[in-house]
Amino acid sequence: MRRVIEERAAEMADVPGGSSGLLVKTYKGKDAATAVYKFDAALVKGLRETCKQVAIEIGQWAEKRNVTLAGDLGVRILAARKRVMEREAAGK
């Protein structure tokens, strides 16, 4: 993927944004004579997925999880939050 980006960057250096290597050149119109440049979202998605897979394999990726409060500590924290909310409501 990196090589594709580097080659596109060199090939499209004269096009605005082309030096990023993230544009794709297609043609449209009668006889396909008009060049159209578009962002290559599929390539970027592939890069992102590859980076995520590497991070997972080396242990640097963690999914967000909902933390539940259990036991006495959880009950006390929830009660404290409730008291704070009640005081704020009474003060307004």
C-alpha atoms as a PDB file:
ATOM      1  CA  MET A   1       0.000   0.000   0.000  1.00  0.00           C
ATOM      2  CA  ARG A   2       2.847   2.336   0.811  1.00  0.00           C
ATOM      3  CA  ARG A   3       4.367   1.710  -2.588  1.00  0.00           C
ATOM      4  CA  VAL A   4       1.090   2.523  -4.333  1.00  0.00           C
ATOM      5  CA  ILE A   5       0.877   5.797  -2.399  1.00  0.00           C
ATOM      6  CA  GLU A   6       4.473   6.715  -3.246  1.00  0.00           C
ATOM      7  CA  GLU A   7       4.022   5.945  -6.948  1.00  0.00           C
ATOM      8  CA  ARG A   8       0.765   7.896  -7.154  1.00  0.00           C
ATOM      9  CA  ALA A   9       2.382  10.835  -5.380  1.00  0.00           C
ATOM     10  CA  ALA A  10       5.163  10.951  -7.949  1.00  0.00           C
ATOM     11  CA  GLU A  11       2.778  10.484 -10.878  1.00  0.00           C
ATOM     12  CA  MET A  12       0.241  13.123  -9.775  1.00  0.00           C
ATOM     13  CA  ALA A  13       2.585  15.707  -8.260  1.00  0.00           C
ATOM     14  CA  ASP A  14       1.233  18.416 -10.592  1.00  0.00           C
ATOM     15  CA  VAL A  15      -2.413  17.874  -9.496  1.00  0.00           C
ATOM     16  CA  PRO A  16      -3.641  19.760  -6.395  1.00  0.00           C
ATOM     17  CA  GLY A  17      -3.512  17.206  -3.572  1.00  0.00           C
ATOM     18  CA  GLY A  18      -1.913  14.652  -5.841  1.00  0.00           C
ATOM     19  CA  SER A  19       1.403  14.693  -4.030  1.00  0.00           C
ATOM     20  CA  SER A  20      -0.337  13.016  -1.076  1.00  0.00           C
ATOM     21  CA  GLY A  21      -0.703   9.851  -3.142  1.00  0.00           C
ATOM     22  CA  LEU A  22      -4.265   9.424  -1.921  1.00  0.00           C
ATOM     23  CA  LEU A  23      -6.035  10.394  -5.142  1.00  0.00           C
ATOM     24  CA  VAL A  24      -7.329   8.121  -7.882  1.00  0.00           C
ATOM     25  CA  LYS A  25      -7.610   9.282 -11.479  1.00  0.00           C
ATOM     26  CA  THR A  26     -10.691   8.206 -13.402  1.00  0.00           C
ATOM     27  CA  TYR A  27     -12.270   9.451 -16.602  1.00  0.00           C
ATOM     28  CA  LYS A  28     -15.811  10.516 -17.395  1.00  0.00           C
ATOM     29  CA  GLY A  29     -17.781  12.128 -20.137  1.00  0.00           C
ATOM     30  CA  LYS A  30     -18.142  11.356 -23.808  1.00  0.00           C
ATOM     31  CA  ASP A  31     -15.272   9.152 -24.945  1.00  0.00           C
ATOM     32  CA  ALA A  32     -13.943   9.279 -21.361  1.00  0.00           C
ATOM     33  CA  ALA A  33     -11.989  12.412 -22.135  1.00  0.00           C
ATOM     34  CA  THR A  34     -12.372  14.301 -18.846  1.00  0.00           C
ATOM     35  CA  ALA A  35     -10.045  13.322 -16.015  1.00  0.00           C
ATOM     36  CA  VAL A  36     -11.619  13.208 -12.557  1.00  0.00           C
ATOM     37  CA  TYR A  37      -9.580  12.896  -9.345  1.00  0.00           C
ATOM     38  CA  LYS A  38     -11.129  11.353  -6.247  1.00  0.00           C
ATOM     39  CA  PHE A  39      -9.938  10.527  -2.756  1.00  0.00           C
ATOM     40  CA  ASP A  40      -9.136   6.805  -2.458  1.00  0.00           C
ATOM     41  CA  ALA A  41     -11.107   5.963   0.690  1.00  0.00           C
ATOM     42  CA  ALA A  42     -10.643   2.222   0.171  1.00  0.00           C
ATOM     43  CA  LEU A  43      -6.861   2.561   0.330  1.00  0.00           C
ATOM     44  CA  VAL A  44      -7.014   4.615   3.524  1.00  0.00           C
ATOM     45  CA  LYS A  45      -9.444   2.100   5.049  1.00  0.00           C
ATOM     46  CA  GLY A  46      -7.016  -0.697   4.226  1.00  0.00           C
ATOM     47  CA  LEU A  47      -4.150   1.203   5.870  1.00  0.00           C
ATOM     48  CA  ARG A  48      -6.249   1.846   8.969  1.00  0.00           C
ATOM     49  CA  GLU A  49      -7.275  -1.796   9.245  1.00  0.00           C
ATOM     50  CA  THR A  50      -3.679  -2.948   8.820  1.00  0.00           C
ATOM     51  CA  CYS A  51      -2.492  -0.571  11.542  1.00  0.00           C
ATOM     52  CA  LYS A  52      -5.271  -1.781  13.850  1.00  0.00           C
ATOM     53  CA  GLN A  53      -4.311  -5.423  13.255  1.00  0.00           C
ATOM     54  CA  VAL A  54      -0.667  -4.677  14.052  1.00  0.00           C
ATOM     55  CA  ALA A  55      -1.666  -2.842  17.238  1.00  0.00           C
ATOM     56  CA  ILE A  56      -3.844  -5.790  18.294  1.00  0.00           C
ATOM     57  CA  GLU A  57      -1.040  -8.270  17.684  1.00  0.00           C
ATOM     58  CA  ILE A  58       1.527  -6.314  19.714  1.00  0.00           C
ATOM     59  CA  GLY A  59      -0.927  -5.599  22.527  1.00  0.00           C
ATOM     60  CA  GLN A  60      -1.407  -1.860  22.031  1.00  0.00           C
ATOM     61  CA  TRP A  61      -5.110  -2.010  21.125  1.00  0.00           C
ATOM     62  CA  ALA A  62      -7.936  -2.179  23.607  1.00  0.00           C
ATOM     63  CA  GLU A  63     -11.641  -1.916  22.926  1.00  0.00           C
ATOM     64  CA  LYS A  64     -13.662   0.472  25.046  1.00  0.00           C
ATOM     65  CA  ARG A  65     -15.704  -1.312  27.649  1.00  0.00           C
ATOM     66  CA  ASN A  66     -18.489  -0.231  29.946  1.00  0.00           C
ATOM     67  CA  VAL A  67     -17.344  -0.402  33.531  1.00  0.00           C
ATOM     68  CA  THR A  68     -19.928  -1.526  36.033  1.00  0.00           C
ATOM     69  CA  LEU A  69     -19.706  -0.714  39.681  1.00  0.00           C
ATOM     70  CA  ALA A  70     -20.272  -3.752  41.844  1.00  0.00           C
ATOM     71  CA  GLY A  71     -20.263  -4.365  45.525  1.00  0.00           C
ATOM     72  CA  ASP A  72     -20.185  -1.916  48.410  1.00  0.00           C
ATOM     73  CA  LEU A  73     -17.843   0.547  46.721  1.00  0.00           C
ATOM     74  CA  GLY A  74     -20.113   0.824  43.691  1.00  0.00           C
ATOM     75  CA  VAL A  75     -23.159   1.448  45.858  1.00  0.00           C
ATOM     76  CA  ARG A  76     -21.338   4.154  47.823  1.00  0.00           C
ATOM     77  CA  ILE A  77     -20.104   5.912  44.670  1.00  0.00           C
ATOM     78  CA  LEU A  78     -23.576   5.923  43.134  1.00  0.00           C
ATOM     79  CA  ALA A  79     -25.077   7.250  46.386  1.00  0.00           C
ATOM     80  CA  ALA A  80     -22.481  10.035  46.493  1.00  0.00           C
ATOM     81  CA  ARG A  81     -23.248  11.001  42.899  1.00  0.00           C
ATOM     82  CA  LYS A  82     -26.948  11.089  43.722  1.00  0.00           C
ATOM     83  CA  ARG A  83     -26.331  13.370  46.730  1.00  0.00           C
ATOM     84  CA  VAL A  84     -24.265  15.761  44.614  1.00  0.00           C
ATOM     85  CA  MET A  85     -26.980  15.934  41.978  1.00  0.00           C
ATOM     86  CA  GLU A  86     -29.653  16.549  44.632  1.00  0.00           C
ATOM     87  CA  ARG A  87     -27.596  19.398  46.194  1.00  0.00           C
ATOM     88  CA  GLU A  88     -27.068  20.985  42.794  1.00  0.00           C
ATOM     89  CA  ALA A  89     -30.790  20.730  42.016  1.00  0.00           C
ATOM     90  CA  ALA A  90     -31.722  22.253  45.409  1.00  0.00           C
ATOM     91  CA  GLY A  91     -29.295  25.141  44.925  1.00  0.00           C
ATOM     92  CA  LYS A  92     -30.772  26.198  41.603  1.00  0.00           C
END
